[in-house]
Every structure is written in structure tokens, then in C-alpha cells.
């Protein structure tokens, strides 16, 4: 093994897609990455900006990677903040223990500062190494939950809200945005227009089904292999729990798994009532520059509405 003095970090080096593509990420994560996933998560532009990749090499060999995806957040004071989301950060299994990931995280924060970001965000489960690394860099966190079946059996007993196919319109995100701006005020990702929202929520790497649920709710469900991923849900808060129950039951009836992500504590309570599994997680936020540290620390006390489709 080469010494650590040979480790270098490169920004978007040309001609390296074969070295850092889907096969590399499959080796790192131990789960299958497809070419379509790689293109959508790591090459797709958002708001006219493509993701940036930081590549750590030992000589000519890639040992670690991380991507920065540039997005917008809106806080309850109506301020829009530019942020980076840390995506697909990974080190090859045989290279772990050399401090590669700590170094590439530091480089990601430095790059986020240069790109004018108020914060860098990482979405992690409670036992994730990235989360521990961000905590060491001064991150604060917002509690979240990764909610999934099995355990969905109880949700299909009795009547549930009616579901039917729908056509999305620009009113869908507009209503959701207005709801965030109404008491109780919530922070969340900001989509400046319908095109931006659709590029994140609809134009995904797998088929997305828009649904109406009950009287007020609208949902977007992405079919990922054998799982229905609830990527986006909006509606009257009084109908939200019943809508989640109906969507989970809908997946169960079709012998499919169900998944959703949420920073809303009431969704976690709903999951427990329905017998769904809830894995604790955290939306980590770290200021890349000292002048933003107080702002980002204050974000931890806000109420957040972040869903699976927002994350990546």
C-alpha cells in the first residue's frame, strides 16, 4: 500500500467516469448502483448547475469520492439559502482506516465555501460514518426517520382512504410551499418554479406515479425494484396519517415494500402506530465558513419538512 503522502484530491478530473462510476460505487456501498442511478444522482444538473465530484487518488488509483449537489433551502423568515448536499461519499473497502474520508470531507467543505454555500448537508442514518465525520467538523442535526416495511400487515385492515391516479400541475408544489409558510412555520427545500420541482420529484431514474389520496392529499411514488418509495406527500395535516396508511396498504396489497423518509415527528408516530419499521437518522448541517456558524446552529431548532424526494 502506498503511503498517505501520495494521496491527492482532484476536482472533476476529465475522463474518469469509468473509474468512479456505478461499478466503483457498488464496490464501496455493497449495493447495486446502475448507470441510470449514476447519471441521475451524480451527473444531472439542477437549476443549471451540475454536481461537482471530489476524487481522492493514490498515484493513479481512485480510493475515495464524494459529490456536491447544489440546492436551495428556505427558512421560516423567508430567506433562501444556497447549500451543498453531500452525496455518494465513499471509500474503497480496502482503503478504509487511512483517514481518506476525513480528508475528502474537509475538501468538500472548503469547496462548498468557495461556491458560496451557507451550509453543507448530509443525510445519514444514526450509525453512519459520514454523520460521525460531520459531527467532528461541528455539524448540528435535525432528527429524521427512514420508515419502511415489513411490519406493514396491520395497515391494510379495514377501510383506507381512496387512491387514484392523477396528473401533476404547477398547483401541487405551490400548495405545498404555501402550507410551509402558514403556521406552524416550517423550513424546507426551495424550488423556485415548477420546472425545478419537477426535475427533482418527477424526472427521477425510475417510474414515478402521481396519486390523489383521500380528499386533500397528493403523493408521488417512485417504483424502485420491489419497493414503493413515497418521495413526496402534501395535503391537509389532519389527513396526512391516513394518507400514509393508505399508501403503505396499497404497497402491501400489491406485494411490494414501502419506504418513506421524513423529518416530521408526527410521521414517526404514525409509523409506530401502523407497525412500520422506523430507523433513526439525521439531517446533518455544517457551516463551511465561520460567518455562517450561528445561522446554521439556529437551524437545528427549526421545524423542518424534508421528504425522501428532497434529499437526493
Protein backbone atom coordinates (compact mmCIF):
# COMPACT_ATOMS: atom_id res chain seq x y z
CA UNK A 1 0.00 0.00 0.00
CA UNK A 2 1.28 3.46 -0.89
CA UNK A 3 1.94 6.00 1.82
CA UNK A 4 -0.58 8.71 2.66
CA UNK A 5 1.78 11.34 1.23
CA UNK A 6 0.72 10.16 -2.26
CA UNK A 7 -2.97 10.86 -1.67
CA UNK A 8 -4.26 13.74 -3.80
CA UNK A 9 -7.72 15.25 -4.20
CA UNK A 10 -8.87 16.21 -7.68
CA UNK A 11 -11.91 18.26 -8.71
CA UNK A 12 -13.91 16.79 -11.60
CA UNK A 13 -10.92 15.29 -13.41
CA UNK A 14 -11.83 14.62 -17.07
CA UNK A 15 -12.05 11.10 -18.44
CA UNK A 16 -12.56 9.32 -15.10
CA UNK A 17 -16.22 8.26 -15.29
CA UNK A 18 -15.17 4.65 -15.82
CA UNK A 19 -13.06 4.78 -12.63
CA UNK A 20 -15.68 6.46 -10.40
CA UNK A 21 -18.93 5.24 -11.95
CA UNK A 22 -21.60 2.75 -10.96
CA UNK A 23 -19.21 -0.19 -10.53
CA UNK A 24 -16.98 1.78 -8.17
CA UNK A 25 -19.96 2.84 -6.04
CA UNK A 26 -21.31 -0.71 -5.97
CA UNK A 27 -17.94 -1.89 -4.59
CA UNK A 28 -17.97 0.84 -1.94
CA UNK A 29 -21.57 0.58 -0.76
CA UNK A 30 -22.18 -3.14 -1.26
CA UNK A 31 -25.49 -2.42 -3.01
CA UNK A 32 -26.08 -2.26 -6.74
CA UNK A 33 -25.73 1.07 -8.49
CA UNK A 34 -27.00 1.23 -12.07
CA UNK A 35 -25.84 3.52 -14.86
CA UNK A 36 -29.23 5.30 -14.69
CA UNK A 37 -28.82 5.96 -10.96
CA UNK A 38 -25.28 7.22 -11.50
CA UNK A 39 -26.41 9.66 -14.19
CA UNK A 40 -29.37 10.97 -12.17
CA UNK A 41 -27.71 11.38 -8.80
CA UNK A 42 -24.24 12.43 -9.87
CA UNK A 43 -24.39 13.96 -13.35
CA UNK A 44 -27.81 15.63 -13.53
CA UNK A 45 -27.95 19.42 -13.46
CA UNK A 46 -30.26 21.20 -11.02
CA UNK A 47 -31.04 24.86 -11.55
CA UNK A 48 -28.47 24.92 -14.33
CA UNK A 49 -25.67 23.58 -12.12
CA UNK A 50 -24.14 20.14 -12.44
CA UNK A 51 -22.84 18.29 -9.36
CA UNK A 52 -19.15 18.50 -8.58
CA UNK A 53 -17.06 15.43 -7.78
CA UNK A 54 -14.05 15.36 -5.50
CA UNK A 55 -11.85 12.36 -6.25
CA UNK A 56 -9.09 11.12 -3.96
CA UNK A 57 -6.36 9.21 -5.77
CA UNK A 58 -3.36 7.28 -4.58
CA UNK A 59 -0.99 7.56 -7.50
CA UNK A 60 -3.32 6.88 -10.43
CA UNK A 61 -5.81 4.78 -8.44
CA UNK A 62 -9.12 6.15 -7.09
CA UNK A 63 -9.59 5.38 -3.39
CA UNK A 64 -12.40 7.73 -2.29
CA UNK A 65 -15.03 10.02 -3.78
CA UNK A 66 -17.71 12.49 -2.75
CA UNK A 67 -20.15 14.64 -4.73
CA UNK A 68 -21.57 18.09 -4.05
CA UNK A 69 -25.09 18.78 -5.32
CA UNK A 70 -26.10 22.43 -5.11
CA UNK A 71 -29.61 23.17 -3.85
CA UNK A 72 -31.70 25.85 -2.13
CA UNK A 73 -33.29 25.94 1.34
CA UNK A 74 -35.94 28.35 2.57
CA UNK A 75 -36.20 29.13 6.28
CA UNK A 76 -39.32 30.49 8.05
CA UNK A 77 -38.01 34.08 7.87
CA UNK A 78 -38.41 33.70 4.07
CA UNK A 79 -34.65 33.69 3.45
CA UNK A 80 -33.40 31.43 0.66
CA UNK A 81 -30.01 29.85 1.34
CA UNK A 82 -27.68 28.16 -1.11
CA UNK A 83 -26.44 24.81 0.23
CA UNK A 84 -24.49 21.81 -0.94
CA UNK A 85 -25.75 18.28 -0.34
CA UNK A 86 -23.03 15.67 0.16
CA UNK A 87 -23.90 12.67 -2.00
CA UNK A 88 -22.34 9.24 -2.56
CA UNK A 89 -19.33 9.81 -0.32
CA UNK A 90 -17.41 6.55 -0.19
CA UNK A 91 -14.03 4.92 0.32
CA UNK A 92 -13.00 1.60 -1.18
CA UNK A 93 -13.22 -1.16 1.47
CA UNK A 94 -9.52 -1.95 1.28
CA UNK A 95 -8.54 1.69 1.79
CA UNK A 96 -10.50 2.40 4.95
CA UNK A 97 -8.62 3.37 8.09
CA UNK A 98 -6.22 5.73 6.30
CA UNK A 99 -8.15 8.91 7.04
CA UNK A 100 -9.24 9.26 3.40
CA UNK A 101 -12.83 10.11 4.20
CA UNK A 102 -11.99 12.74 6.81
CA UNK A 103 -9.74 14.48 4.29
CA UNK A 104 -12.25 14.38 1.47
CA UNK A 105 -14.98 15.74 3.78
CA UNK A 106 -12.72 18.67 4.65
CA UNK A 107 -12.15 19.27 0.96
CA UNK A 108 -15.91 19.18 0.35
CA UNK A 109 -16.48 21.86 2.99
CA UNK A 110 -13.73 24.02 1.50
CA UNK A 111 -15.31 23.67 -1.93
CA UNK A 112 -18.77 24.48 -0.50
CA UNK A 113 -17.34 27.70 0.94
CA UNK A 114 -15.86 28.66 -2.42
CA UNK A 115 -19.24 28.04 -4.07
CA UNK A 116 -20.99 30.41 -1.65
CA UNK A 117 -22.93 27.84 0.39
CA UNK A 118 -24.34 28.70 3.79
CA UNK A 119 -24.17 25.03 4.79
CA UNK A 120 -23.24 21.57 3.61
CA UNK A 121 -25.87 18.88 4.30
CA UNK A 122 -25.53 15.16 4.80
CA UNK A 123 -28.44 12.74 5.17
CA UNK A 124 -27.37 9.86 7.38
CA UNK A 125 -28.66 7.03 9.49
CA UNK A 126 -27.75 7.09 13.17
CA UNK A 127 -24.88 4.61 12.71
CA UNK A 128 -23.42 6.19 9.56
CA UNK A 129 -19.71 7.05 9.41
CA UNK A 130 -20.40 10.22 7.42
CA UNK A 131 -22.52 11.52 10.28
CA UNK A 132 -19.74 10.94 12.78
CA UNK A 133 -17.31 12.72 10.47
CA UNK A 134 -19.61 15.72 10.11
CA UNK A 135 -20.11 15.91 13.89
CA UNK A 136 -16.34 16.15 14.29
CA UNK A 137 -16.44 19.08 11.86
CA UNK A 138 -19.02 20.91 14.00
CA UNK A 139 -22.28 19.83 12.38
CA UNK A 140 -25.68 20.14 14.00
CA UNK A 141 -28.53 17.78 13.24
CA UNK A 142 -32.26 17.55 12.68
CA UNK A 143 -33.78 14.21 13.69
CA UNK A 144 -35.30 12.17 10.88
CA UNK A 145 -36.64 8.69 10.26
CA UNK A 146 -36.23 6.12 7.49
CA UNK A 147 -39.62 4.42 7.54
CA UNK A 148 -40.17 1.08 5.83
CA UNK A 149 -41.96 -2.26 5.75
CA UNK A 150 -42.04 -5.12 6.69
CA UNK A 151 -44.34 -4.62 9.63
CA UNK A 152 -46.98 -3.20 7.33
CA UNK A 153 -49.51 -6.00 7.89
CA UNK A 154 -51.78 -4.01 10.21
CA UNK A 155 -52.12 -1.10 7.79
CA UNK A 156 -54.39 -2.99 5.36
CA UNK A 157 -57.00 -4.00 7.93
CA UNK A 158 -60.26 -2.12 7.49
CA UNK A 159 -61.03 0.74 5.14
CA UNK A 160 -58.38 3.17 3.96
CA UNK A 161 -58.55 6.41 2.01
CA UNK A 162 -59.22 6.06 -1.69
CA UNK A 163 -56.22 6.31 -4.06
CA UNK A 164 -56.41 7.13 -7.74
CA UNK A 165 -54.05 8.23 -10.48
CA UNK A 166 -53.64 11.93 -11.15
CA UNK A 167 -51.90 14.44 -13.40
CA UNK A 168 -49.43 16.76 -11.71
CA UNK A 169 -49.77 20.50 -12.23
CA UNK A 170 -47.89 23.56 -11.04
CA UNK A 171 -50.51 23.87 -8.28
CA UNK A 172 -49.08 20.80 -6.49
CA UNK A 173 -45.77 22.39 -5.34
CA UNK A 174 -47.43 25.80 -4.99
CA UNK A 175 -49.90 24.44 -2.42
CA UNK A 176 -47.13 22.64 -0.56
CA UNK A 177 -44.99 25.80 -0.45
CA UNK A 178 -47.92 27.84 0.85
CA UNK A 179 -48.52 25.25 3.56
CA UNK A 180 -44.89 25.58 4.77
CA UNK A 181 -45.37 29.34 5.02
CA UNK A 182 -48.51 29.01 7.17
CA UNK A 183 -48.43 28.45 10.94
CA UNK A 184 -46.73 26.39 12.21
CA UNK A 185 -43.91 27.74 10.04
CA UNK A 186 -41.52 25.14 8.65
CA UNK A 187 -38.20 25.14 6.85
CA UNK A 188 -37.56 23.02 3.79
CA UNK A 189 -36.03 22.77 0.35
CA UNK A 190 -36.92 25.59 -2.01
CA UNK A 191 -37.97 25.11 -5.63
CA UNK A 192 -38.13 28.46 -7.43
CA UNK A 193 -40.54 27.21 -10.11
CA UNK A 194 -42.47 24.15 -11.26
CA UNK A 195 -39.67 23.08 -13.58
CA UNK A 196 -37.18 22.88 -10.69
CA UNK A 197 -39.64 20.91 -8.57
CA UNK A 198 -40.48 18.54 -11.42
CA UNK A 199 -36.81 17.90 -12.22
CA UNK A 200 -36.32 16.74 -8.63
CA UNK A 201 -39.59 14.95 -7.95
CA UNK A 202 -40.89 13.69 -11.30
CA UNK A 203 -37.93 13.20 -13.65
CA UNK A 204 -36.39 10.50 -11.49
CA UNK A 205 -34.43 7.40 -12.60
CA UNK A 206 -37.44 5.08 -12.06
CA UNK A 207 -41.13 5.36 -12.87
CA UNK A 208 -42.98 7.92 -10.73
CA UNK A 209 -46.74 7.58 -10.19
CA UNK A 210 -48.69 10.71 -9.17
CA UNK A 211 -51.63 9.86 -6.90
CA UNK A 212 -54.55 11.59 -5.23
CA UNK A 213 -55.22 10.24 -1.75
CA UNK A 214 -58.43 10.96 0.09
CA UNK A 215 -59.88 14.46 -0.14
CA UNK A 216 -56.80 16.67 0.09
CA UNK A 217 -53.59 14.68 -0.31
CA UNK A 218 -51.33 14.33 -3.32
CA UNK A 219 -48.46 11.86 -3.48
CA UNK A 220 -45.57 10.89 -5.74
CA UNK A 221 -44.49 7.24 -5.51
CA UNK A 222 -41.35 6.02 -7.28
CA UNK A 223 -41.21 2.30 -8.15
CA UNK A 224 -37.67 1.20 -7.30
CA UNK A 225 -37.29 -2.54 -7.92
CA UNK A 226 -39.69 -4.14 -5.38
CA UNK A 227 -40.26 -1.01 -3.30
CA UNK A 228 -42.79 1.82 -3.47
CA UNK A 229 -40.83 4.90 -2.36
CA UNK A 230 -43.05 7.72 -1.18
CA UNK A 231 -40.95 10.60 -2.47
CA UNK A 232 -43.41 13.44 -1.83
CA UNK A 233 -46.66 13.88 0.08
CA UNK A 234 -48.72 17.02 0.56
CA UNK A 235 -52.17 17.63 1.98
CA UNK A 236 -54.17 18.75 4.96
CA UNK A 237 -52.22 17.73 8.11
CA UNK A 238 -55.43 16.21 9.50
CA UNK A 239 -55.47 13.70 6.63
CA UNK A 240 -51.74 13.01 6.44
CA UNK A 241 -51.57 9.98 8.77
CA UNK A 242 -54.49 8.33 6.97
CA UNK A 243 -52.78 9.01 3.63
CA UNK A 244 -49.58 7.28 4.78
CA UNK A 245 -51.66 4.33 5.97
CA UNK A 246 -53.39 4.11 2.60
CA UNK A 247 -50.13 4.29 0.64
CA UNK A 248 -48.47 1.63 2.79
CA UNK A 249 -51.53 -0.60 2.46
CA UNK A 250 -51.54 -0.04 -1.31
CA UNK A 251 -47.96 -1.33 -1.50
CA UNK A 252 -48.82 -4.29 0.74
CA UNK A 253 -51.80 -5.28 -1.41
CA UNK A 254 -49.50 -5.43 -4.44
CA UNK A 255 -46.87 -7.44 -2.52
CA UNK A 256 -44.41 -4.57 -2.61
CA UNK A 257 -42.30 -3.00 0.08
CA UNK A 258 -43.00 0.55 1.29
CA UNK A 259 -40.48 3.30 2.11
CA UNK A 260 -40.58 6.94 3.10
CA UNK A 261 -38.25 9.46 4.74
CA UNK A 262 -39.37 12.28 6.99
CA UNK A 263 -38.16 14.93 9.41
CA UNK A 264 -41.68 15.34 10.81
CA UNK A 265 -42.10 13.86 14.29
CA UNK A 266 -45.79 13.15 13.64
CA UNK A 267 -44.80 10.86 10.73
CA UNK A 268 -42.62 8.86 13.10
CA UNK A 269 -45.57 8.49 15.49
CA UNK A 270 -47.74 7.38 12.55
CA UNK A 271 -45.16 4.77 11.56
CA UNK A 272 -45.15 3.30 15.04
CA UNK A 273 -48.95 3.11 15.12
CA UNK A 274 -49.01 1.34 11.75
CA UNK A 275 -46.39 -1.22 12.69
CA UNK A 276 -43.85 0.13 10.20
CA UNK A 277 -40.15 0.00 10.94
CA UNK A 278 -38.55 3.36 11.68
CA UNK A 279 -34.76 3.61 11.52
CA UNK A 280 -33.46 6.78 13.23
CA UNK A 281 -31.48 9.21 11.13
CA UNK A 282 -30.33 12.78 10.98
CA UNK A 283 -30.13 15.64 8.52
CA UNK A 284 -26.66 16.93 9.33
CA UNK A 285 -25.80 20.57 8.64
CA UNK A 286 -22.37 22.15 8.92
CA UNK A 287 -21.30 25.70 8.10
CA UNK A 288 -18.30 25.72 5.76
CA UNK A 289 -17.33 29.22 6.98
CA UNK A 290 -17.23 30.70 10.47
CA UNK A 291 -19.51 33.59 9.44
CA UNK A 292 -22.38 31.14 8.89
CA UNK A 293 -21.94 29.06 12.06
CA UNK A 294 -24.54 30.89 14.17
CA UNK A 295 -27.11 30.73 11.37
CA UNK A 296 -26.67 27.00 10.87
CA UNK A 297 -26.73 26.27 14.60
CA UNK A 298 -30.10 28.05 14.80
CA UNK A 299 -31.47 25.81 12.03
CA UNK A 300 -31.33 22.82 14.38
CA UNK A 301 -34.16 24.34 16.43
CA UNK A 302 -36.46 24.90 13.44
CA UNK A 303 -39.33 22.68 12.39
CA UNK A 304 -38.37 21.02 9.09
CA UNK A 305 -40.41 19.35 6.37
CA UNK A 306 -37.94 17.31 4.29
CA UNK A 307 -39.08 14.27 2.37
CA UNK A 308 -37.37 11.43 0.56
CA UNK A 309 -37.53 13.14 -2.83
CA UNK A 310 -35.93 16.29 -1.41
CA UNK A 311 -32.83 14.53 -0.17
CA UNK A 312 -31.22 13.48 -3.44
